Amino acid sequence: MARLVLAIGAVAIWAFLVACDSSPSPPSGCDDVIPDMADCLPYVTNGSNVSSPGKGCCTGIAQVVAKSPLCLCEALKEASQLNIAVNMTRALGLSKICKLNVPPISSCNGS
């Protein structure tokens, strides 16, 4: 169950791939932010019929961005390792839906 929660959070974070810098390691505490993103999974999962993310999704993303945007890149890596199917159009649209300003996906390349 805990692994499922982590996977759910990782998928949601995929939308907000961010790297504050090109440091090779993530800041400590990234594991603590992944569960914050769990409410996004129903919206971003490939094939989902959910029409919009819940309030908890945007709240969770905002908390992660405020704490350390680099953790979003780490969550992306985890989702990829778990072979979670994500609707990238929806995932990438979360920043606009949630009214958050995040760096572009390409910023994760250095992490």
PDB file of N, CA and C in Angstrom:
ATOM      1  N   MET A   1       0.822  -1.198   0.000  1.00  0.00           N
ATOM      2  CA  MET A   1       0.000   0.000   0.000  1.00  0.00           C
ATOM      3  C   MET A   1       0.868   1.266   0.000  1.00  0.00           C
ATOM      4  N   ALA A   2       1.919   1.247   0.804  1.00  0.00           N
ATOM      5  CA  ALA A   2       2.803   2.421   0.851  1.00  0.00           C
ATOM      6  C   ALA A   2       3.473   2.638  -0.500  1.00  0.00           C
ATOM      7  N   ARG A   3       3.822   1.550  -1.168  1.00  0.00           N
ATOM      8  CA  ARG A   3       4.444   1.671  -2.494  1.00  0.00           C
ATOM      9  C   ARG A   3       3.455   2.267  -3.492  1.00  0.00           C
ATOM     10  N   LEU A   4       2.178   1.890  -3.374  1.00  0.00           N
ATOM     11  CA  LEU A   4       1.147   2.438  -4.257  1.00  0.00           C
ATOM     12  C   LEU A   4       1.001   3.936  -4.031  1.00  0.00           C
ATOM     13  N   VAL A   5       1.010   4.358  -2.782  1.00  0.00           N
ATOM     14  CA  VAL A   5       0.905   5.788  -2.473  1.00  0.00           C
ATOM     15  C   VAL A   5       2.098   6.537  -3.062  1.00  0.00           C
ATOM     16  N   LEU A   6       3.280   5.957  -2.938  1.00  0.00           N
ATOM     17  CA  LEU A   6       4.465   6.594  -3.511  1.00  0.00           C
ATOM     18  C   LEU A   6       4.365   6.666  -5.032  1.00  0.00           C
ATOM     19  N   ALA A   7       3.857   5.609  -5.639  1.00  0.00           N
ATOM     20  CA  ALA A   7       3.709   5.602  -7.095  1.00  0.00           C
ATOM     21  C   ALA A   7       2.705   6.652  -7.543  1.00  0.00           C
ATOM     22  N   ILE A   8       1.630   6.760  -6.816  1.00  0.00           N
ATOM     23  CA  ILE A   8       0.603   7.749  -7.134  1.00  0.00           C
ATOM     24  C   ILE A   8       1.194   9.153  -7.068  1.00  0.00           C
ATOM     25  N   GLY A   9       1.915   9.424  -6.033  1.00  0.00           N
ATOM     26  CA  GLY A   9       2.536  10.736  -5.899  1.00  0.00           C
ATOM     27  C   GLY A   9       3.549  11.004  -6.998  1.00  0.00           C
ATOM     28  N   ALA A  10       4.286   9.982  -7.353  1.00  0.00           N
ATOM     29  CA  ALA A  10       5.299  10.152  -8.391  1.00  0.00           C
ATOM     30  C   ALA A  10       4.683  10.516  -9.736  1.00  0.00           C
ATOM     31  N   VAL A  11       3.574   9.881 -10.055  1.00  0.00           N
ATOM     32  CA  VAL A  11       2.906  10.187 -11.324  1.00  0.00           C
ATOM     33  C   VAL A  11       2.442  11.635 -11.345  1.00  0.00           C
ATOM     34  N   ALA A  12       1.859  12.069 -10.288  1.00  0.00           N
ATOM     35  CA  ALA A  12       1.361  13.436 -10.242  1.00  0.00           C
ATOM     36  C   ALA A  12       2.493  14.440 -10.390  1.00  0.00           C
ATOM     37  N   ILE A  13       3.570  14.144  -9.779  1.00  0.00           N
ATOM     38  CA  ILE A  13       4.697  15.059  -9.822  1.00  0.00           C
ATOM     39  C   ILE A  13       5.298  15.146 -11.219  1.00  0.00           C
ATOM     40  N   TRP A  14       5.099  14.121 -11.996  1.00  0.00           N
ATOM     41  CA  TRP A  14       5.607  14.097 -13.371  1.00  0.00           C
ATOM     42  C   TRP A  14       5.280  15.395 -14.087  1.00  0.00           C
ATOM     43  N   ALA A  15       4.141  15.984 -13.791  1.00  0.00           N
ATOM     44  CA  ALA A  15       3.700  17.207 -14.451  1.00  0.00           C
ATOM     45  C   ALA A  15       4.589  18.394 -14.125  1.00  0.00           C
ATOM     46  N   PHE A  16       5.288  18.302 -13.059  1.00  0.00           N
ATOM     47  CA  PHE A  16       6.062  19.452 -12.602  1.00  0.00           C
ATOM     48  C   PHE A  16       7.551  19.177 -12.528  1.00  0.00           C
ATOM     49  N   LEU A  17       8.054  18.573 -13.574  1.00  0.00           N
ATOM     50  CA  LEU A  17       9.476  18.269 -13.644  1.00  0.00           C
ATOM     51  C   LEU A  17      10.263  19.560 -13.542  1.00  0.00           C
ATOM     52  N   VAL A  18      11.001  19.636 -12.462  1.00  0.00           N
ATOM     53  CA  VAL A  18      11.727  20.866 -12.224  1.00  0.00           C
ATOM     54  C   VAL A  18      13.088  20.542 -11.626  1.00  0.00           C
ATOM     55  N   ALA A  19      14.076  21.293 -12.027  1.00  0.00           N
ATOM     56  CA  ALA A  19      15.371  21.203 -11.371  1.00  0.00           C
ATOM     57  C   ALA A  19      15.835  22.622 -11.076  1.00  0.00           C
ATOM     58  N   CYS A  20      15.992  22.934  -9.822  1.00  0.00           N
ATOM     59  CA  CYS A  20      16.416  24.280  -9.451  1.00  0.00           C
ATOM     60  C   CYS A  20      17.843  24.548  -9.912  1.00  0.00           C
ATOM     61  N   ASP A  21      18.638  23.507  -9.946  1.00  0.00           N
ATOM     62  CA  ASP A  21      20.002  23.636 -10.435  1.00  0.00           C
ATOM     63  C   ASP A  21      20.429  22.304 -11.015  1.00  0.00           C
ATOM     64  N   SER A  22      21.672  22.180 -11.364  1.00  0.00           N
ATOM     65  CA  SER A  22      22.142  20.940 -11.970  1.00  0.00           C
ATOM     66  C   SER A  22      22.846  20.036 -10.968  1.00  0.00           C
ATOM     67  N   SER A  23      22.533  20.165  -9.706  1.00  0.00           N
ATOM     68  CA  SER A  23      23.167  19.326  -8.704  1.00  0.00           C
ATOM     69  C   SER A  23      22.780  17.868  -8.930  1.00  0.00           C
ATOM     70  N   PRO A  24      23.711  16.941  -8.742  1.00  0.00           N
ATOM     71  CA  PRO A  24      23.463  15.545  -9.053  1.00  0.00           C
ATOM     72  C   PRO A  24      22.577  14.817  -8.063  1.00  0.00           C
ATOM     73  N   SER A  25      22.418  15.312  -6.872  1.00  0.00           N
ATOM     74  CA  SER A  25      21.596  14.606  -5.903  1.00  0.00           C
ATOM     75  C   SER A  25      20.452  15.487  -5.418  1.00  0.00           C
ATOM     76  N   PRO A  26      19.312  14.844  -5.124  1.00  0.00           N
ATOM     77  CA  PRO A  26      18.160  15.601  -4.659  1.00  0.00           C
ATOM     78  C   PRO A  26      18.361  16.042  -3.219  1.00  0.00           C
ATOM     79  N   PRO A  27      17.644  17.054  -2.802  1.00  0.00           N
ATOM     80  CA  PRO A  27      17.723  17.466  -1.408  1.00  0.00           C
ATOM     81  C   PRO A  27      17.135  16.385  -0.519  1.00  0.00           C
ATOM     82  N   SER A  28      17.610  16.302   0.708  1.00  0.00           N
ATOM     83  CA  SER A  28      17.037  15.320   1.617  1.00  0.00           C
ATOM     84  C   SER A  28      15.585  15.690   1.879  1.00  0.00           C
ATOM     85  N   GLY A  29      14.776  14.684   2.133  1.00  0.00           N
ATOM     86  CA  GLY A  29      13.372  14.943   2.422  1.00  0.00           C
ATOM     87  C   GLY A  29      12.441  14.781   1.241  1.00  0.00           C
ATOM     88  N   CYS A  30      12.945  14.364   0.080  1.00  0.00           N
ATOM     89  CA  CYS A  30      12.062  14.197  -1.075  1.00  0.00           C
ATOM     90  C   CYS A  30      11.030  13.098  -0.848  1.00  0.00           C
ATOM     91  N   ASP A  31      11.365  12.088  -0.075  1.00  0.00           N
ATOM     92  CA  ASP A  31      10.397  11.026   0.198  1.00  0.00           C
ATOM     93  C   ASP A  31       9.178  11.565   0.932  1.00  0.00           C
ATOM     94  N   ASP A  32       9.359  12.620   1.679  1.00  0.00           N
ATOM     95  CA  ASP A  32       8.258  13.191   2.444  1.00  0.00           C
ATOM     96  C   ASP A  32       7.247  13.922   1.570  1.00  0.00           C
ATOM     97  N   VAL A  33       7.642  14.349   0.392  1.00  0.00           N
ATOM     98  CA  VAL A  33       6.732  15.134  -0.443  1.00  0.00           C
ATOM     99  C   VAL A  33       5.914  14.284  -1.406  1.00  0.00           C
ATOM    100  N   ILE A  34       6.362  13.083  -1.703  1.00  0.00           N
ATOM    101  CA  ILE A  34       5.665  12.252  -2.678  1.00  0.00           C
ATOM    102  C   ILE A  34       4.214  11.979  -2.294  1.00  0.00           C
ATOM    103  N   PRO A  35       3.917  11.619  -1.061  1.00  0.00           N
ATOM    104  CA  PRO A  35       2.507  11.391  -0.717  1.00  0.00           C
ATOM    105  C   PRO A  35       1.625  12.635  -0.877  1.00  0.00           C
ATOM    106  N   ASP A  36       2.229  13.815  -0.841  1.00  0.00           N
ATOM    107  CA  ASP A  36       1.447  15.041  -1.039  1.00  0.00           C
ATOM    108  C   ASP A  36       0.783  15.073  -2.413  1.00  0.00           C
ATOM    109  N   MET A  37       1.339  14.348  -3.360  1.00  0.00           N
ATOM    110  CA  MET A  37       0.851  14.389  -4.733  1.00  0.00           C
ATOM    111  C   MET A  37      -0.168  13.301  -5.059  1.00  0.00           C
ATOM    112  N   ALA A  38      -0.494  12.452  -4.110  1.00  0.00           N
ATOM    113  CA  ALA A  38      -1.363  11.299  -4.362  1.00  0.00           C
ATOM    114  C   ALA A  38      -2.721  11.674  -4.953  1.00  0.00           C
ATOM    115  N   ASP A  39      -3.266  12.808  -4.593  1.00  0.00           N
ATOM    116  CA  ASP A  39      -4.588  13.200  -5.093  1.00  0.00           C
ATOM    117  C   ASP A  39      -4.595  13.539  -6.581  1.00  0.00           C
ATOM    118  N   CYS A  40      -3.446  13.626  -7.196  1.00  0.00           N
ATOM    119  CA  CYS A  40      -3.377  13.937  -8.633  1.00  0.00           C
ATOM    120  C   CYS A  40      -3.541  12.700  -9.511  1.00  0.00           C
ATOM    121  N   LEU A  41      -3.261  11.524  -8.983  1.00  0.00           N
ATOM    122  CA  LEU A  41      -3.259  10.316  -9.801  1.00  0.00           C
ATOM    123  C   LEU A  41      -4.559  10.062 -10.560  1.00  0.00           C
ATOM    124  N   PRO A  42      -5.721  10.194  -9.938  1.00  0.00           N
ATOM    125  CA  PRO A  42      -6.947   9.921 -10.697  1.00  0.00           C
ATOM    126  C   PRO A  42      -7.080  10.785 -11.950  1.00  0.00           C
ATOM    127  N   TYR A  43      -6.529  11.958 -11.937  1.00  0.00           N
ATOM    128  CA  TYR A  43      -6.619  12.862 -13.084  1.00  0.00           C
ATOM    129  C   TYR A  43      -5.558  12.575 -14.145  1.00  0.00           C
ATOM    130  N   VAL A  44      -4.336  12.287 -13.745  1.00  0.00           N
ATOM    131  CA  VAL A  44      -3.242  12.154 -14.710  1.00  0.00           C
ATOM    132  C   VAL A  44      -3.003  10.740 -15.226  1.00  0.00           C
ATOM    133  N   THR A  45      -3.646   9.743 -14.644  1.00  0.00           N
ATOM    134  CA  THR A  45      -3.458   8.379 -15.111  1.00  0.00           C
ATOM    135  C   THR A  45      -3.985   8.227 -16.531  1.00  0.00           C
ATOM    136  N   ASN A  46      -3.217   7.557 -17.365  1.00  0.00           N
ATOM    137  CA  ASN A  46      -3.609   7.321 -18.751  1.00  0.00           C
ATOM    138  C   ASN A  46      -4.961   6.611 -18.791  1.00  0.00           C
ATOM    139  N   GLY A  47      -5.889   7.115 -19.585  1.00  0.00           N
ATOM    140  CA  GLY A  47      -7.215   6.530 -19.720  1.00  0.00           C
ATOM    141  C   GLY A  47      -8.223   6.997 -18.691  1.00  0.00           C
ATOM    142  N   SER A  48      -7.840   7.925 -17.837  1.00  0.00           N
ATOM    143  CA  SER A  48      -8.734   8.416 -16.791  1.00  0.00           C
ATOM    144  C   SER A  48      -9.929   9.168 -17.373  1.00  0.00           C
ATOM    145  N   ASN A  49     -11.092   8.979 -16.749  1.00  0.00           N
ATOM    146  CA  ASN A  49     -12.298   9.715 -17.125  1.00  0.00           C
ATOM    147  C   ASN A  49     -12.563  10.883 -16.181  1.00  0.00           C
ATOM    148  N   VAL A  50     -11.680  11.099 -15.222  1.00  0.00           N
ATOM    149  CA  VAL A  50     -11.828  12.200 -14.274  1.00  0.00           C
ATOM    150  C   VAL A  50     -11.620  13.507 -15.039  1.00  0.00           C
ATOM    151  N   SER A  51     -12.561  14.444 -14.893  1.00  0.00           N
ATOM    152  CA  SER A  51     -12.517  15.666 -15.704  1.00  0.00           C
ATOM    153  C   SER A  51     -11.614  16.770 -15.157  1.00  0.00           C
ATOM    154  N   SER A  52     -11.289  16.732 -13.877  1.00  0.00           N
ATOM    155  CA  SER A  52     -10.410  17.758 -13.311  1.00  0.00           C
ATOM    156  C   SER A  52      -9.754  17.220 -12.041  1.00  0.00           C
ATOM    157  N   PRO A  53      -8.572  17.749 -11.709  1.00  0.00           N
ATOM    158  CA  PRO A  53      -7.910  17.298 -10.482  1.00  0.00           C
ATOM    159  C   PRO A  53      -8.638  17.830  -9.256  1.00  0.00           C
ATOM    160  N   GLY A  54      -8.567  17.097  -8.179  1.00  0.00           N
ATOM    161  CA  GLY A  54      -9.179  17.541  -6.936  1.00  0.00           C
ATOM    162  C   GLY A  54      -8.369  18.635  -6.271  1.00  0.00           C
ATOM    163  N   LYS A  55      -8.973  19.286  -5.293  1.00  0.00           N
ATOM    164  CA  LYS A  55      -8.284  20.366  -4.576  1.00  0.00           C
ATOM    165  C   LYS A  55      -6.996  19.874  -3.923  1.00  0.00           C
ATOM    166  N   GLY A  56      -7.009  18.663  -3.433  1.00  0.00           N
ATOM    167  CA  GLY A  56      -5.827  18.113  -2.782  1.00  0.00           C
ATOM    168  C   GLY A  56      -4.637  18.002  -3.715  1.00  0.00           C
ATOM    169  N   CYS A  57      -4.897  17.804  -4.990  1.00  0.00           N
ATOM    170  CA  CYS A  57      -3.822  17.707  -5.978  1.00  0.00           C
ATOM    171  C   CYS A  57      -3.053  19.022  -6.049  1.00  0.00           C
ATOM    172  N   CYS A  58      -3.749  20.100  -6.272  1.00  0.00           N
ATOM    173  CA  CYS A  58      -3.086  21.407  -6.397  1.00  0.00           C
ATOM    174  C   CYS A  58      -2.414  21.828  -5.093  1.00  0.00           C
ATOM    175  N   THR A  59      -3.050  21.523  -3.989  1.00  0.00           N
ATOM    176  CA  THR A  59      -2.465  21.846  -2.687  1.00  0.00           C
ATOM    177  C   THR A  59      -1.152  21.085  -2.500  1.00  0.00           C
ATOM    178  N   GLY A  60      -1.170  19.807  -2.844  1.00  0.00           N
ATOM    179  CA  GLY A  60       0.031  18.989  -2.710  1.00  0.00           C
ATOM    180  C   GLY A  60       1.166  19.465  -3.594  1.00  0.00           C
ATOM    181  N   ILE A  61       0.836  19.789  -4.839  1.00  0.00           N
ATOM    182  CA  ILE A  61       1.860  20.274  -5.764  1.00  0.00           C
ATOM    183  C   ILE A  61       2.454  21.586  -5.262  1.00  0.00           C
ATOM    184  N   ALA A  62       1.608  22.467  -4.791  1.00  0.00           N
ATOM    185  CA  ALA A  62       2.086  23.756  -4.276  1.00  0.00           C
ATOM    186  C   ALA A  62       3.028  23.557  -3.091  1.00  0.00           C
ATOM    187  N   GLN A  63       2.716  22.601  -2.227  1.00  0.00           N
ATOM    188  CA  GLN A  63       3.571  22.333  -1.068  1.00  0.00           C
ATOM    189  C   GLN A  63       4.935  21.806  -1.505  1.00  0.00           C
ATOM    190  N   VAL A  64       4.938  20.939  -2.509  1.00  0.00           N
ATOM    191  CA  VAL A  64       6.204  20.395  -3.001  1.00  0.00           C
ATOM    192  C   VAL A  64       7.048  21.494  -3.634  1.00  0.00           C
ATOM    193  N   VAL A  65       6.425  22.313  -4.464  1.00  0.00           N
ATOM    194  CA  VAL A  65       7.153  23.403  -5.119  1.00  0.00           C
ATOM    195  C   VAL A  65       7.733  24.352  -4.076  1.00  0.00           C
ATOM    196  N   ALA A  66       6.971  24.638  -3.028  1.00  0.00           N
ATOM    197  CA  ALA A  66       7.443  25.538  -1.977  1.00  0.00           C
ATOM    198  C   ALA A  66       8.608  24.930  -1.193  1.00  0.00           C
ATOM    199  N   LYS A  67       8.562  23.621  -0.977  1.00  0.00           N
ATOM    200  CA  LYS A  67       9.608  22.962  -0.196  1.00  0.00           C
ATOM    201  C   LYS A  67      10.890  22.789  -1.015  1.00  0.00           C
ATOM    202  N   SER A  68      10.768  22.158  -2.178  1.00  0.00           N
ATOM    203  CA  SER A  68      11.931  21.930  -3.029  1.00  0.00           C
ATOM    204  C   SER A  68      11.477  21.403  -4.385  1.00  0.00           C
ATOM    205  N   PRO A  69      11.453  22.253  -5.390  1.00  0.00           N
ATOM    206  CA  PRO A  69      11.027  21.815  -6.723  1.00  0.00           C
ATOM    207  C   PRO A  69      11.859  20.653  -7.278  1.00  0.00           C
ATOM    208  N   LEU A  70      13.099  20.510  -6.841  1.00  0.00           N
ATOM    209  CA  LEU A  70      13.940  19.416  -7.319  1.00  0.00           C
ATOM    210  C   LEU A  70      13.341  18.052  -6.981  1.00  0.00           C
ATOM    211  N   CYS A  71      12.564  17.977  -5.917  1.00  0.00           N
ATOM    212  CA  CYS A  71      11.913  16.717  -5.551  1.00  0.00           C
ATOM    213  C   CYS A  71      10.936  16.257  -6.630  1.00  0.00           C
ATOM    214  N   LEU A  72      10.434  17.186  -7.424  1.00  0.00           N
ATOM    215  CA  LEU A  72       9.520  16.813  -8.497  1.00  0.00           C
ATOM    216  C   LEU A  72      10.240  15.971  -9.543  1.00  0.00           C
ATOM    217  N   CYS A  73      11.483  16.290  -9.806  1.00  0.00           N
ATOM    218  CA  CYS A  73      12.274  15.498 -10.751  1.00  0.00           C
ATOM    219  C   CYS A  73      12.492  14.086 -10.212  1.00  0.00           C
ATOM    220  N   GLU A  74      12.760  13.985  -8.939  1.00  0.00           N
ATOM    221  CA  GLU A  74      12.966  12.677  -8.326  1.00  0.00           C
ATOM    222  C   GLU A  74      11.701  11.834  -8.418  1.00  0.00           C
ATOM    223  N   ALA A  75      10.562  12.451  -8.242  1.00  0.00           N
ATOM    224  CA  ALA A  75       9.300  11.720  -8.346  1.00  0.00           C
ATOM    225  C   ALA A  75       9.091  11.223  -9.775  1.00  0.00           C
ATOM    226  N   LEU A  76       9.487  12.014 -10.748  1.00  0.00           N
ATOM    227  CA  LEU A  76       9.393  11.594 -12.146  1.00  0.00           C
ATOM    228  C   LEU A  76      10.225  10.344 -12.376  1.00  0.00           C
ATOM    229  N   LYS A  77      11.424  10.343 -11.860  1.00  0.00           N
ATOM    230  CA  LYS A  77      12.292   9.182 -12.027  1.00  0.00           C
ATOM    231  C   LYS A  77      11.641   7.940 -11.427  1.00  0.00           C
ATOM    232  N   GLU A  78      11.043   8.098 -10.263  1.00  0.00           N
ATOM    233  CA  GLU A  78      10.399   6.964  -9.605  1.00  0.00           C
ATOM    234  C   GLU A  78       9.217   6.453 -10.423  1.00  0.00           C
ATOM    235  N   ALA A  79       8.410   7.336 -10.953  1.00  0.00           N
ATOM    236  CA  ALA A  79       7.259   6.933 -11.766  1.00  0.00           C
ATOM    237  C   ALA A  79       7.729   6.148 -12.983  1.00  0.00           C
ATOM    238  N   SER A  80       8.776   6.616 -13.605  1.00  0.00           N
ATOM    239  CA  SER A  80       9.315   5.938 -14.779  1.00  0.00           C
ATOM    240  C   SER A  80       9.793   4.533 -14.418  1.00  0.00           C
ATOM    241  N   GLN A  81      10.450   4.397 -13.292  1.00  0.00           N
ATOM    242  CA  GLN A  81      10.941   3.100 -12.847  1.00  0.00           C
ATOM    243  C   GLN A  81       9.800   2.141 -12.545  1.00  0.00           C
ATOM    244  N   LEU A  82       8.656   2.667 -12.141  1.00  0.00           N
ATOM    245  CA  LEU A  82       7.495   1.839 -11.811  1.00  0.00           C
ATOM    246  C   LEU A  82       6.598   1.585 -13.022  1.00  0.00           C
ATOM    247  N   ASN A  83       7.003   2.087 -14.190  1.00  0.00           N
ATOM    248  CA  ASN A  83       6.230   1.914 -15.427  1.00  0.00           C
ATOM    249  C   ASN A  83       4.781   2.361 -15.283  1.00  0.00           C
ATOM    250  N   ILE A  84       4.581   3.504 -14.703  1.00  0.00           N
ATOM    251  CA  ILE A  84       3.241   4.051 -14.528  1.00  0.00           C
ATOM    252  C   ILE A  84       2.870   4.844 -15.774  1.00  0.00           C
ATOM    253  N   ALA A  85       1.711   4.515 -16.337  1.00  0.00           N
ATOM    254  CA  ALA A  85       1.246   5.189 -17.554  1.00  0.00           C
ATOM    255  C   ALA A  85       0.612   6.527 -17.189  1.00  0.00           C
ATOM    256  N   VAL A  86       1.179   7.600 -17.727  1.00  0.00           N
ATOM    257  CA  VAL A  86       0.707   8.946 -17.415  1.00  0.00           C
ATOM    258  C   VAL A  86       0.249   9.635 -18.690  1.00  0.00           C
ATOM    259  N   ASN A  87      -0.871  10.313 -18.613  1.00  0.00           N
ATOM    260  CA  ASN A  87      -1.329  11.159 -19.713  1.00  0.00           C
ATOM    261  C   ASN A  87      -0.523  12.446 -19.593  1.00  0.00           C
ATOM    262  N   MET A  88       0.501  12.583 -20.418  1.00  0.00           N
ATOM    263  CA  MET A  88       1.411  13.716 -20.292  1.00  0.00           C
ATOM    264  C   MET A  88       0.739  15.053 -20.577  1.00  0.00           C
ATOM    265  N   THR A  89      -0.238  15.062 -21.461  1.00  0.00           N
ATOM    266  CA  THR A  89      -0.949  16.310 -21.731  1.00  0.00           C
ATOM    267  C   THR A  89      -1.616  16.809 -20.460  1.00  0.00           C
ATOM    268  N   ARG A  90      -2.278  15.899 -19.749  1.00  0.00           N
ATOM    269  CA  ARG A  90      -2.928  16.282 -18.494  1.00  0.00           C
ATOM    270  C   ARG A  90      -1.898  16.632 -17.428  1.00  0.00           C
ATOM    271  N   ALA A  91      -0.870  15.817 -17.329  1.00  0.00           N
ATOM    272  CA  ALA A  91       0.145  16.046 -16.304  1.00  0.00           C
ATOM    273  C   ALA A  91       0.817  17.402 -16.487  1.00  0.00           C
ATOM    274  N   LEU A  92       1.187  17.710 -17.718  1.00  0.00           N
ATOM    275  CA  LEU A  92       1.858  18.980 -17.973  1.00  0.00           C
ATOM    276  C   LEU A  92       0.920  20.164 -17.812  1.00  0.00           C
ATOM    277  N   GLY A  93      -0.365  19.933 -17.937  1.00  0.00           N
ATOM    278  CA  GLY A  93      -1.347  21.001 -17.775  1.00  0.00           C
ATOM    279  C   GLY A  93      -1.664  21.338 -16.332  1.00  0.00           C
ATOM    280  N   LEU A  94      -1.196  20.521 -15.399  1.00  0.00           N
ATOM    281  CA  LEU A  94      -1.507  20.770 -13.989  1.00  0.00           C
ATOM    282  C   LEU A  94      -0.977  22.106 -13.492  1.00  0.00           C
ATOM    283  N   SER A  95       0.167  22.536 -13.978  1.00  0.00           N
ATOM    284  CA  SER A  95       0.704  23.814 -13.490  1.00  0.00           C
ATOM    285  C   SER A  95      -0.238  24.963 -13.831  1.00  0.00           C
ATOM    286  N   LYS A  96      -0.841  24.914 -14.997  1.00  0.00           N
ATOM    287  CA  LYS A  96      -1.791  25.962 -15.386  1.00  0.00           C
ATOM    288  C   LYS A  96      -3.093  25.834 -14.590  1.00  0.00           C
ATOM    289  N   ILE A  97      -3.601  24.615 -14.484  1.00  0.00           N
ATOM    290  CA  ILE A  97      -4.835  24.379 -13.737  1.00  0.00           C
ATOM    291  C   ILE A  97      -4.675  24.818 -12.286  1.00  0.00           C
ATOM    292  N   CYS A  98      -3.533  24.501 -11.707  1.00  0.00           N
ATOM    293  CA  CYS A  98      -3.276  24.825 -10.298  1.00  0.00           C
ATOM    294  C   CYS A  98      -2.708  26.228 -10.110  1.00  0.00           C
ATOM    295  N   LYS A  99      -2.534  26.947 -11.208  1.00  0.00           N
ATOM    296  CA  LYS A  99      -2.023  28.324 -11.167  1.00  0.00           C
ATOM    297  C   LYS A  99      -0.669  28.408 -10.457  1.00  0.00           C
ATOM    298  N   LEU A 100       0.247  27.530 -10.879  1.00  0.00           N
ATOM    299  CA  LEU A 100       1.588  27.497 -10.308  1.00  0.00           C
ATOM    300  C   LEU A 100       2.612  27.819 -11.384  1.00  0.00           C
ATOM    301  N   ASN A 101       3.623  28.555 -11.005  1.00  0.00           N
ATOM    302  CA  ASN A 101       4.704  28.891 -11.920  1.00  0.00           C
ATOM    303  C   ASN A 101       5.878  27.968 -11.627  1.00  0.00           C
ATOM    304  N   VAL A 102       6.135  27.054 -12.553  1.00  0.00           N
ATOM    305  CA  VAL A 102       7.245  26.120 -12.375  1.00  0.00           C
ATOM    306  C   VAL A 102       8.142  26.166 -13.602  1.00  0.00           C
ATOM    307  N   PRO A 103       9.436  25.866 -13.429  1.00  0.00           N
ATOM    308  CA  PRO A 103      10.356  25.833 -14.566  1.00  0.00           C
ATOM    309  C   PRO A 103       9.951  24.739 -15.558  1.00  0.00           C
ATOM    310  N   PRO A 104      10.441  24.804 -16.788  1.00  0.00           N
ATOM    311  CA  PRO A 104      10.078  23.818 -17.806  1.00  0.00           C
ATOM    312  C   PRO A 104      10.642  22.429 -17.516  1.00  0.00           C
ATOM    313  N   ILE A 105      10.063  21.440 -18.160  1.00  0.00           N
ATOM    314  CA  ILE A 105      10.480  20.050 -17.996  1.00  0.00           C
ATOM    315  C   ILE A 105      11.965  19.872 -18.283  1.00  0.00           C
ATOM    316  N   SER A 106      12.468  20.562 -19.263  1.00  0.00           N
ATOM    317  CA  SER A 106      13.875  20.413 -19.643  1.00  0.00           C
ATOM    318  C   SER A 106      14.824  20.752 -18.498  1.00  0.00           C
ATOM    319  N   SER A 107      14.344  21.435 -17.483  1.00  0.00           N
ATOM    320  CA  SER A 107      15.183  21.789 -16.334  1.00  0.00           C
ATOM    321  C   SER A 107      15.617  20.573 -15.533  1.00  0.00           C
ATOM    322  N   CYS A 108      14.937  19.459 -15.676  1.00  0.00           N
ATOM    323  CA  CYS A 108      15.280  18.254 -14.917  1.00  0.00           C
ATOM    324  C   CYS A 108      16.494  17.529 -15.476  1.00  0.00           C
ATOM    325  N   ASN A 109      16.901  17.828 -16.651  1.00  0.00           N
ATOM    326  CA  ASN A 109      17.980  17.087 -17.290  1.00  0.00           C
ATOM    327  C   ASN A 109      19.264  17.041 -16.481  1.00  0.00           C
ATOM    328  N   GLY A 110      19.532  18.027 -15.677  1.00  0.00           N
ATOM    329  CA  GLY A 110      20.768  18.045 -14.903  1.00  0.00           C
ATOM    330  C   GLY A 110      20.698  17.298 -13.601  1.00  0.00           C
ATOM    331  N   SER A 111      19.517  16.872 -13.210  1.00  0.00           N
ATOM    332  CA  SER A 111      19.408  16.215 -11.899  1.00  0.00           C
ATOM    333  C   SER A 111      19.624  14.733 -11.964  1.00  0.00           C
TER     334      SER A 111
END
